[in-house]
Amino acid sequence: MNDADEVIQLLKSRFGVETDSALALRLKVSRSTIANWRNRKSVPSLYRRIADGEDDTFMFGGEMTDIERAAMRLAVLRLVRDFGDIADDYRAFLTKSRQASASVHFYYTKAVQDLMNEMSARGSESPTECVALLAYNEVFSGDSEKPLLPQKVPQSVADLIKTMGYKQDDV
């Protein structure tokens, strides 16, 4: 990604802000810094990575965005799926805990990218809905002797809730 205006727009989208001033506050830079990026037609690589979903935006703004919160939920689910046996016994903890802790950033970054791709593919602005569908498709719809959930993949959270026999108010 080379175009500074495009990167700045993506950053605004990631942080859920509309103005350069609001973006500057979230990135903890001055408003003139963003203006300089535009004038130079160049954005530093750290901020390009954030725009691409490769870095933690909440590190800059204190509070996580809705996308980051939803991605963190997906990352934790994936970590539990892949390293869930870490608490089975002390030996498992000793052998896998380093790998699990070293994987947190990777899992989070991948979850942000996957979530943004899913939102884009569905034309959705709801990270909560998309993370629910990703989690279902990825973790809960697998083959087993007695599947807990139906095998037909739902197209929305409302369909998922209805298929499971719940009412929207129950969730």
N, C-alpha and C. Protein backbone atom coordinates (compact mmCIF):
# COMPACT_ATOMS: atom_id res chain seq x y z
N MET A 1 0.85 -1.16 0.00
CA MET A 1 0.00 0.00 0.00
C MET A 1 0.90 1.23 0.00
N ASN A 2 0.79 2.08 -1.04
CA ASN A 2 1.68 3.22 -1.18
C ASN A 2 1.00 4.57 -1.02
N ASP A 3 -0.23 4.66 -1.35
CA ASP A 3 -0.93 5.93 -1.34
C ASP A 3 -1.25 6.37 0.09
N ALA A 4 -0.68 7.50 0.50
CA ALA A 4 -0.86 7.98 1.88
C ALA A 4 -2.33 8.22 2.21
N ASP A 5 -3.08 8.79 1.28
CA ASP A 5 -4.50 9.05 1.55
C ASP A 5 -5.26 7.75 1.79
N GLU A 6 -4.92 6.72 1.03
CA GLU A 6 -5.57 5.42 1.20
C GLU A 6 -5.24 4.82 2.58
N VAL A 7 -3.97 4.91 2.97
CA VAL A 7 -3.55 4.39 4.27
C VAL A 7 -4.26 5.14 5.38
N ILE A 8 -4.34 6.45 5.27
CA ILE A 8 -5.00 7.26 6.30
C ILE A 8 -6.48 6.90 6.38
N GLN A 9 -7.13 6.68 5.23
CA GLN A 9 -8.54 6.27 5.24
C GLN A 9 -8.71 4.91 5.91
N LEU A 10 -7.81 3.98 5.62
CA LEU A 10 -7.88 2.67 6.26
C LEU A 10 -7.68 2.78 7.77
N LEU A 11 -6.75 3.63 8.19
CA LEU A 11 -6.53 3.85 9.62
C LEU A 11 -7.80 4.41 10.27
N LYS A 12 -8.43 5.36 9.62
CA LYS A 12 -9.67 5.92 10.16
C LYS A 12 -10.73 4.83 10.30
N SER A 13 -10.80 3.97 9.30
CA SER A 13 -11.76 2.87 9.35
C SER A 13 -11.44 1.91 10.50
N ARG A 14 -10.19 1.54 10.66
CA ARG A 14 -9.78 0.63 11.73
C ARG A 14 -10.11 1.19 13.10
N PHE A 15 -9.91 2.51 13.27
CA PHE A 15 -10.15 3.13 14.57
C PHE A 15 -11.58 3.64 14.73
N GLY A 16 -12.37 3.60 13.67
CA GLY A 16 -13.75 4.06 13.75
C GLY A 16 -13.87 5.56 13.94
N VAL A 17 -12.98 6.33 13.30
CA VAL A 17 -13.02 7.78 13.39
C VAL A 17 -13.20 8.37 12.00
N GLU A 18 -13.62 9.63 11.95
CA GLU A 18 -13.88 10.25 10.65
C GLU A 18 -12.92 11.37 10.31
N THR A 19 -12.32 11.99 11.29
CA THR A 19 -11.47 13.16 11.01
C THR A 19 -10.00 12.85 11.27
N ASP A 20 -9.15 13.65 10.64
CA ASP A 20 -7.71 13.52 10.88
C ASP A 20 -7.38 13.82 12.35
N SER A 21 -8.08 14.77 12.92
CA SER A 21 -7.83 15.11 14.33
C SER A 21 -8.14 13.94 15.26
N ALA A 22 -9.26 13.28 15.01
CA ALA A 22 -9.64 12.13 15.84
C ALA A 22 -8.64 10.99 15.64
N LEU A 23 -8.19 10.81 14.41
CA LEU A 23 -7.20 9.77 14.15
C LEU A 23 -5.89 10.10 14.86
N ALA A 24 -5.48 11.34 14.81
CA ALA A 24 -4.25 11.76 15.48
C ALA A 24 -4.33 11.46 16.98
N LEU A 25 -5.47 11.72 17.59
CA LEU A 25 -5.65 11.42 19.01
C LEU A 25 -5.49 9.93 19.28
N ARG A 26 -6.09 9.10 18.44
CA ARG A 26 -6.00 7.65 18.64
C ARG A 26 -4.58 7.13 18.43
N LEU A 27 -3.85 7.72 17.47
CA LEU A 27 -2.49 7.27 17.18
C LEU A 27 -1.45 7.92 18.09
N LYS A 28 -1.92 8.88 18.89
CA LYS A 28 -1.03 9.61 19.79
C LYS A 28 0.06 10.35 19.02
N VAL A 29 -0.36 10.99 17.92
CA VAL A 29 0.50 11.88 17.14
C VAL A 29 -0.23 13.20 16.99
N SER A 30 0.48 14.21 16.50
CA SER A 30 -0.17 15.51 16.29
C SER A 30 -0.95 15.50 14.98
N ARG A 31 -1.90 16.39 14.88
CA ARG A 31 -2.68 16.55 13.65
C ARG A 31 -1.74 16.91 12.50
N SER A 32 -0.70 17.71 12.78
CA SER A 32 0.24 18.11 11.73
C SER A 32 1.06 16.93 11.22
N THR A 33 1.25 15.91 12.06
CA THR A 33 1.97 14.71 11.61
C THR A 33 1.20 14.05 10.48
N ILE A 34 -0.11 13.94 10.64
CA ILE A 34 -0.93 13.32 9.59
C ILE A 34 -0.92 14.19 8.34
N ALA A 35 -0.98 15.51 8.51
CA ALA A 35 -0.89 16.42 7.36
C ALA A 35 0.45 16.25 6.64
N ASN A 36 1.52 16.05 7.40
CA ASN A 36 2.84 15.83 6.80
C ASN A 36 2.86 14.52 6.00
N TRP A 37 2.20 13.49 6.51
CA TRP A 37 2.13 12.23 5.77
C TRP A 37 1.47 12.46 4.40
N ARG A 38 0.38 13.24 4.43
CA ARG A 38 -0.32 13.54 3.18
C ARG A 38 0.59 14.31 2.22
N ASN A 39 1.26 15.34 2.73
CA ASN A 39 2.13 16.17 1.89
C ASN A 39 3.29 15.38 1.32
N ARG A 40 3.88 14.50 2.13
CA ARG A 40 5.02 13.69 1.68
C ARG A 40 4.56 12.49 0.85
N LYS A 41 3.24 12.23 0.88
CA LYS A 41 2.66 11.05 0.23
C LYS A 41 3.31 9.76 0.75
N SER A 42 3.55 9.76 2.06
CA SER A 42 4.20 8.61 2.69
C SER A 42 3.76 8.49 4.14
N VAL A 43 3.45 7.27 4.55
CA VAL A 43 3.06 6.98 5.93
C VAL A 43 4.10 6.00 6.48
N PRO A 44 4.60 6.23 7.69
CA PRO A 44 5.60 5.32 8.26
C PRO A 44 5.09 3.87 8.29
N SER A 45 6.03 2.94 8.17
CA SER A 45 5.68 1.52 8.05
C SER A 45 4.85 1.00 9.22
N LEU A 46 5.11 1.47 10.43
CA LEU A 46 4.33 1.04 11.59
C LEU A 46 2.84 1.30 11.36
N TYR A 47 2.51 2.48 10.88
CA TYR A 47 1.11 2.84 10.68
C TYR A 47 0.52 2.15 9.45
N ARG A 48 1.35 1.88 8.44
CA ARG A 48 0.86 1.09 7.29
C ARG A 48 0.51 -0.33 7.75
N ARG A 49 1.33 -0.89 8.64
CA ARG A 49 1.03 -2.23 9.16
C ARG A 49 -0.28 -2.23 9.95
N ILE A 50 -0.50 -1.19 10.72
CA ILE A 50 -1.76 -1.08 11.47
C ILE A 50 -2.93 -1.00 10.50
N ALA A 51 -2.79 -0.20 9.45
CA ALA A 51 -3.85 -0.07 8.45
C ALA A 51 -4.14 -1.41 7.78
N ASP A 52 -3.09 -2.20 7.58
CA ASP A 52 -3.24 -3.52 6.95
C ASP A 52 -3.74 -4.59 7.92
N GLY A 53 -3.91 -4.23 9.19
CA GLY A 53 -4.38 -5.19 10.18
C GLY A 53 -3.28 -6.05 10.76
N GLU A 54 -2.03 -5.61 10.63
CA GLU A 54 -0.91 -6.41 11.09
C GLU A 54 -0.43 -6.04 12.48
N ASP A 55 -0.92 -4.96 13.07
CA ASP A 55 -0.47 -4.55 14.39
C ASP A 55 -1.66 -4.20 15.27
N ASP A 56 -1.40 -4.07 16.56
CA ASP A 56 -2.44 -3.81 17.54
C ASP A 56 -2.79 -2.33 17.58
N THR A 57 -3.98 -1.99 17.14
CA THR A 57 -4.39 -0.59 17.19
C THR A 57 -4.72 -0.16 18.62
N PHE A 58 -5.20 -1.07 19.45
CA PHE A 58 -5.57 -0.67 20.80
C PHE A 58 -4.36 -0.25 21.62
N MET A 59 -3.16 -0.62 21.18
CA MET A 59 -1.95 -0.18 21.88
C MET A 59 -1.81 1.33 21.78
N PHE A 60 -2.41 1.93 20.75
CA PHE A 60 -2.29 3.35 20.54
C PHE A 60 -3.42 4.15 21.16
N GLY A 61 -4.57 3.53 21.31
CA GLY A 61 -5.72 4.31 21.72
C GLY A 61 -6.30 3.95 23.06
N GLY A 62 -5.67 3.08 23.78
CA GLY A 62 -6.20 2.71 25.09
C GLY A 62 -7.28 1.67 24.97
N GLU A 63 -8.44 2.05 24.49
CA GLU A 63 -9.57 1.14 24.43
C GLU A 63 -9.62 0.45 23.07
N MET A 64 -9.99 -0.81 23.09
CA MET A 64 -10.11 -1.57 21.85
C MET A 64 -11.32 -1.12 21.05
N THR A 65 -11.20 -1.19 19.73
CA THR A 65 -12.35 -0.94 18.87
C THR A 65 -13.23 -2.19 18.87
N ASP A 66 -14.41 -2.09 18.30
CA ASP A 66 -15.30 -3.25 18.21
C ASP A 66 -14.65 -4.37 17.41
N ILE A 67 -13.93 -4.00 16.35
CA ILE A 67 -13.24 -5.01 15.53
C ILE A 67 -12.17 -5.70 16.37
N GLU A 68 -11.40 -4.94 17.12
CA GLU A 68 -10.34 -5.52 17.94
C GLU A 68 -10.90 -6.43 19.03
N ARG A 69 -12.00 -6.01 19.66
CA ARG A 69 -12.62 -6.84 20.69
C ARG A 69 -13.11 -8.16 20.09
N ALA A 70 -13.76 -8.07 18.95
CA ALA A 70 -14.27 -9.28 18.30
C ALA A 70 -13.11 -10.17 17.86
N ALA A 71 -12.06 -9.57 17.31
CA ALA A 71 -10.89 -10.35 16.88
C ALA A 71 -10.21 -11.01 18.08
N MET A 72 -10.16 -10.33 19.20
CA MET A 72 -9.55 -10.92 20.40
C MET A 72 -10.35 -12.14 20.85
N ARG A 73 -11.68 -12.06 20.76
CA ARG A 73 -12.51 -13.21 21.11
C ARG A 73 -12.20 -14.40 20.21
N LEU A 74 -12.05 -14.13 18.92
CA LEU A 74 -11.72 -15.20 17.97
C LEU A 74 -10.33 -15.75 18.24
N ALA A 75 -9.38 -14.88 18.53
CA ALA A 75 -8.00 -15.32 18.82
C ALA A 75 -7.97 -16.20 20.07
N VAL A 76 -8.70 -15.82 21.10
CA VAL A 76 -8.74 -16.61 22.33
C VAL A 76 -9.38 -17.97 22.05
N LEU A 77 -10.45 -17.98 21.29
CA LEU A 77 -11.10 -19.25 20.94
C LEU A 77 -10.12 -20.16 20.20
N ARG A 78 -9.38 -19.61 19.25
CA ARG A 78 -8.40 -20.40 18.50
C ARG A 78 -7.28 -20.90 19.40
N LEU A 79 -6.82 -20.05 20.31
CA LEU A 79 -5.77 -20.46 21.25
C LEU A 79 -6.25 -21.61 22.14
N VAL A 80 -7.47 -21.49 22.64
CA VAL A 80 -8.02 -22.55 23.48
C VAL A 80 -8.16 -23.83 22.67
N ARG A 81 -8.62 -23.70 21.45
CA ARG A 81 -8.76 -24.88 20.58
C ARG A 81 -7.40 -25.55 20.37
N ASP A 82 -6.37 -24.76 20.09
CA ASP A 82 -5.07 -25.32 19.73
C ASP A 82 -4.18 -25.65 20.93
N PHE A 83 -4.41 -24.98 22.06
CA PHE A 83 -3.56 -25.20 23.23
C PHE A 83 -4.38 -25.54 24.47
N GLY A 84 -5.60 -26.02 24.28
CA GLY A 84 -6.49 -26.29 25.40
C GLY A 84 -5.98 -27.31 26.39
N ASP A 85 -5.13 -28.19 25.94
CA ASP A 85 -4.63 -29.22 26.84
C ASP A 85 -3.48 -28.73 27.71
N ILE A 86 -3.16 -27.47 27.62
CA ILE A 86 -2.04 -26.89 28.38
C ILE A 86 -2.27 -26.98 29.89
N ALA A 87 -3.52 -27.02 30.29
CA ALA A 87 -3.83 -27.07 31.72
C ALA A 87 -4.14 -28.49 32.20
N ASP A 88 -3.98 -29.47 31.33
CA ASP A 88 -4.27 -30.85 31.71
C ASP A 88 -3.33 -31.37 32.80
N ASP A 89 -2.07 -31.05 32.65
CA ASP A 89 -1.10 -31.47 33.67
C ASP A 89 0.12 -30.56 33.59
N TYR A 90 0.96 -30.68 34.57
CA TYR A 90 2.12 -29.80 34.68
C TYR A 90 3.09 -29.99 33.52
N ARG A 91 3.26 -31.21 33.07
CA ARG A 91 4.18 -31.48 31.95
C ARG A 91 3.68 -30.78 30.68
N ALA A 92 2.38 -30.84 30.42
CA ALA A 92 1.83 -30.15 29.26
C ALA A 92 2.05 -28.65 29.37
N PHE A 93 1.87 -28.13 30.58
CA PHE A 93 2.12 -26.71 30.80
C PHE A 93 3.57 -26.36 30.47
N LEU A 94 4.50 -27.14 30.99
CA LEU A 94 5.92 -26.86 30.77
C LEU A 94 6.31 -26.96 29.30
N THR A 95 5.73 -27.91 28.59
CA THR A 95 6.13 -28.10 27.19
C THR A 95 5.43 -27.17 26.22
N LYS A 96 4.23 -26.72 26.54
CA LYS A 96 3.47 -25.93 25.57
C LYS A 96 3.25 -24.47 25.94
N SER A 97 3.48 -24.09 27.17
CA SER A 97 3.13 -22.72 27.58
C SER A 97 3.95 -21.66 26.85
N ARG A 98 5.22 -21.93 26.60
CA ARG A 98 6.02 -20.94 25.85
C ARG A 98 5.50 -20.76 24.44
N GLN A 99 5.21 -21.86 23.80
CA GLN A 99 4.70 -21.78 22.43
C GLN A 99 3.35 -21.05 22.40
N ALA A 100 2.50 -21.34 23.36
CA ALA A 100 1.19 -20.68 23.41
C ALA A 100 1.34 -19.19 23.64
N SER A 101 2.17 -18.79 24.60
CA SER A 101 2.31 -17.36 24.86
C SER A 101 2.99 -16.65 23.70
N ALA A 102 3.91 -17.32 23.02
CA ALA A 102 4.57 -16.72 21.86
C ALA A 102 3.61 -16.61 20.67
N SER A 103 2.54 -17.37 20.69
CA SER A 103 1.58 -17.38 19.58
C SER A 103 0.47 -16.35 19.72
N VAL A 104 0.32 -15.74 20.87
CA VAL A 104 -0.80 -14.83 21.11
C VAL A 104 -0.86 -13.73 20.07
N HIS A 105 0.25 -13.05 19.84
CA HIS A 105 0.24 -11.93 18.88
C HIS A 105 -0.11 -12.42 17.48
N PHE A 106 0.46 -13.56 17.07
CA PHE A 106 0.14 -14.12 15.75
C PHE A 106 -1.35 -14.42 15.65
N TYR A 107 -1.91 -15.09 16.65
CA TYR A 107 -3.33 -15.46 16.63
C TYR A 107 -4.21 -14.21 16.56
N TYR A 108 -3.84 -13.18 17.32
CA TYR A 108 -4.62 -11.95 17.32
C TYR A 108 -4.55 -11.27 15.95
N THR A 109 -3.35 -11.13 15.42
CA THR A 109 -3.16 -10.48 14.12
C THR A 109 -3.93 -11.22 13.04
N LYS A 110 -3.85 -12.54 13.04
CA LYS A 110 -4.57 -13.35 12.06
C LYS A 110 -6.08 -13.19 12.24
N ALA A 111 -6.53 -13.13 13.48
CA ALA A 111 -7.97 -12.95 13.73
C ALA A 111 -8.46 -11.60 13.22
N VAL A 112 -7.67 -10.54 13.40
CA VAL A 112 -8.05 -9.22 12.88
C VAL A 112 -8.18 -9.29 11.36
N GLN A 113 -7.19 -9.88 10.70
CA GLN A 113 -7.23 -9.98 9.24
C GLN A 113 -8.42 -10.81 8.77
N ASP A 114 -8.64 -11.95 9.41
CA ASP A 114 -9.75 -12.82 9.03
C ASP A 114 -11.09 -12.12 9.23
N LEU A 115 -11.21 -11.41 10.34
CA LEU A 115 -12.46 -10.71 10.64
C LEU A 115 -12.71 -9.60 9.63
N MET A 116 -11.69 -8.82 9.32
CA MET A 116 -11.87 -7.74 8.34
C MET A 116 -12.20 -8.31 6.96
N ASN A 117 -11.58 -9.42 6.59
CA ASN A 117 -11.89 -10.07 5.31
C ASN A 117 -13.34 -10.56 5.29
N GLU A 118 -13.78 -11.16 6.41
CA GLU A 118 -15.16 -11.66 6.49
C GLU A 118 -16.16 -10.50 6.41
N MET A 119 -15.87 -9.42 7.10
CA MET A 119 -16.76 -8.25 7.05
C MET A 119 -16.83 -7.71 5.64
N SER A 120 -15.70 -7.64 4.97
CA SER A 120 -15.66 -7.14 3.59
C SER A 120 -16.41 -8.08 2.65
N ALA A 121 -16.19 -9.37 2.79
CA ALA A 121 -16.84 -10.35 1.92
C ALA A 121 -18.36 -10.32 2.09
N ARG A 122 -18.83 -10.10 3.30
CA ARG A 122 -20.27 -10.09 3.57
C ARG A 122 -20.88 -8.70 3.42
N GLY A 123 -20.02 -7.68 3.24
CA GLY A 123 -20.53 -6.32 3.18
C GLY A 123 -21.13 -5.91 4.51
N SER A 124 -20.57 -6.44 5.58
CA SER A 124 -21.11 -6.22 6.92
C SER A 124 -20.30 -5.18 7.68
N GLU A 125 -20.97 -4.42 8.51
CA GLU A 125 -20.29 -3.49 9.40
C GLU A 125 -20.34 -3.98 10.84
N SER A 126 -20.75 -5.23 11.02
CA SER A 126 -20.90 -5.79 12.36
C SER A 126 -19.81 -6.82 12.66
N PRO A 127 -18.76 -6.41 13.38
CA PRO A 127 -17.73 -7.38 13.73
C PRO A 127 -18.27 -8.49 14.63
N THR A 128 -19.24 -8.17 15.48
CA THR A 128 -19.81 -9.16 16.38
C THR A 128 -20.49 -10.28 15.60
N GLU A 129 -21.27 -9.91 14.60
CA GLU A 129 -21.95 -10.92 13.78
C GLU A 129 -20.94 -11.75 13.02
N CYS A 130 -19.96 -11.11 12.42
CA CYS A 130 -18.98 -11.84 11.61
C CYS A 130 -18.10 -12.75 12.46
N VAL A 131 -17.74 -12.33 13.67
CA VAL A 131 -16.91 -13.19 14.51
C VAL A 131 -17.72 -14.40 14.98
N ALA A 132 -19.00 -14.21 15.21
CA ALA A 132 -19.85 -15.34 15.60
C ALA A 132 -19.91 -16.37 14.46
N LEU A 133 -20.04 -15.89 13.23
CA LEU A 133 -20.08 -16.80 12.10
C LEU A 133 -18.73 -17.48 11.86
N LEU A 134 -17.65 -16.72 11.99
CA LEU A 134 -16.31 -17.32 11.85
C LEU A 134 -16.10 -18.41 12.90
N ALA A 135 -16.45 -18.12 14.13
CA ALA A 135 -16.27 -19.09 15.21
C ALA A 135 -17.09 -20.34 14.95
N TYR A 136 -18.32 -20.16 14.55
CA TYR A 136 -19.18 -21.31 14.27
C TYR A 136 -18.59 -22.15 13.14
N ASN A 137 -18.27 -21.49 12.02
CA ASN A 137 -17.77 -22.22 10.84
C ASN A 137 -16.45 -22.92 11.13
N GLU A 138 -15.63 -22.32 11.93
CA GLU A 138 -14.27 -22.79 12.15
C GLU A 138 -14.15 -23.82 13.26
N VAL A 139 -14.90 -23.63 14.32
CA VAL A 139 -14.70 -24.45 15.51
C VAL A 139 -15.90 -25.34 15.81
N PHE A 140 -17.08 -24.83 15.70
CA PHE A 140 -18.24 -25.54 16.20
C PHE A 140 -19.01 -26.34 15.15
N SER A 141 -18.65 -26.23 13.88
CA SER A 141 -19.40 -26.99 12.86
C SER A 141 -18.61 -28.20 12.38
N GLY A 142 -17.55 -28.56 13.08
CA GLY A 142 -16.72 -29.70 12.69
C GLY A 142 -17.45 -31.02 12.84
N ASP A 143 -16.89 -32.03 12.22
CA ASP A 143 -17.50 -33.36 12.30
C ASP A 143 -17.27 -33.96 13.68
N SER A 144 -18.27 -34.57 14.21
CA SER A 144 -18.17 -35.34 15.45
C SER A 144 -19.30 -36.34 15.45
N GLU A 145 -19.28 -37.27 16.39
CA GLU A 145 -20.33 -38.29 16.41
C GLU A 145 -21.70 -37.67 16.64
N LYS A 146 -21.78 -36.75 17.58
CA LYS A 146 -23.03 -36.08 17.87
C LYS A 146 -22.78 -34.57 17.81
N PRO A 147 -22.92 -33.98 16.63
CA PRO A 147 -22.67 -32.54 16.53
C PRO A 147 -23.64 -31.76 17.41
N LEU A 148 -23.10 -30.79 18.14
CA LEU A 148 -23.93 -29.96 19.00
C LEU A 148 -24.77 -28.99 18.19
N LEU A 149 -24.25 -28.61 17.05
CA LEU A 149 -24.93 -27.65 16.20
C LEU A 149 -25.23 -28.27 14.85
N PRO A 150 -26.19 -27.74 14.13
CA PRO A 150 -26.54 -28.29 12.83
C PRO A 150 -25.39 -28.14 11.83
N GLN A 151 -25.34 -29.04 10.85
CA GLN A 151 -24.26 -29.01 9.87
C GLN A 151 -24.47 -27.96 8.78
N LYS A 152 -25.70 -27.51 8.57
CA LYS A 152 -25.93 -26.46 7.58
C LYS A 152 -25.36 -25.16 8.13
N VAL A 153 -24.47 -24.53 7.36
CA VAL A 153 -23.82 -23.31 7.82
C VAL A 153 -24.78 -22.14 7.71
N PRO A 154 -25.05 -21.47 8.83
CA PRO A 154 -25.96 -20.33 8.80
C PRO A 154 -25.31 -19.13 8.10
N GLN A 155 -26.11 -18.27 7.53
CA GLN A 155 -25.60 -17.10 6.81
C GLN A 155 -25.58 -15.84 7.66
N SER A 156 -26.22 -15.87 8.80
CA SER A 156 -26.22 -14.71 9.69
C SER A 156 -26.35 -15.20 11.13
N VAL A 157 -26.07 -14.31 12.05
CA VAL A 157 -26.21 -14.66 13.45
C VAL A 157 -27.68 -14.96 13.77
N ALA A 158 -28.58 -14.23 13.16
CA ALA A 158 -30.01 -14.47 13.40
C ALA A 158 -30.38 -15.89 12.97
N ASP A 159 -29.85 -16.33 11.81
CA ASP A 159 -30.10 -17.71 11.35
C ASP A 159 -29.50 -18.72 12.32
N LEU A 160 -28.29 -18.43 12.81
CA LEU A 160 -27.61 -19.32 13.75
C LEU A 160 -28.43 -19.46 15.03
N ILE A 161 -28.89 -18.35 15.56
CA ILE A 161 -29.68 -18.35 16.79
C ILE A 161 -30.97 -19.13 16.59
N LYS A 162 -31.63 -18.89 15.46
CA LYS A 162 -32.89 -19.58 15.17
C LYS A 162 -32.66 -21.08 15.00
N THR A 163 -31.60 -21.46 14.29
CA THR A 163 -31.29 -22.86 14.05
C THR A 163 -31.03 -23.60 15.35
N MET A 164 -30.43 -22.91 16.32
CA MET A 164 -30.10 -23.53 17.60
C MET A 164 -31.30 -23.60 18.54
N GLY A 165 -32.41 -22.98 18.13
CA GLY A 165 -33.61 -23.06 18.95
C GLY A 165 -33.72 -21.95 19.98
N TYR A 166 -32.92 -20.91 19.85
CA TYR A 166 -33.00 -19.78 20.77
C TYR A 166 -33.79 -18.66 20.14
N LYS A 167 -34.23 -17.74 20.99
CA LYS A 167 -34.84 -16.50 20.52
C LYS A 167 -33.76 -15.44 20.58
N GLN A 168 -33.90 -14.41 19.76
CA GLN A 168 -32.92 -13.32 19.72
C GLN A 168 -32.69 -12.73 21.12
N ASP A 169 -33.75 -12.63 21.93
CA ASP A 169 -33.65 -12.05 23.27
C ASP A 169 -32.86 -12.93 24.23
N ASP A 170 -32.75 -14.23 23.93
CA ASP A 170 -32.02 -15.16 24.81
C ASP A 170 -30.51 -14.97 24.74
N VAL A 171 -30.05 -14.38 23.64
CA VAL A 171 -28.61 -14.29 23.42
C VAL A 171 -28.05 -12.96 23.88
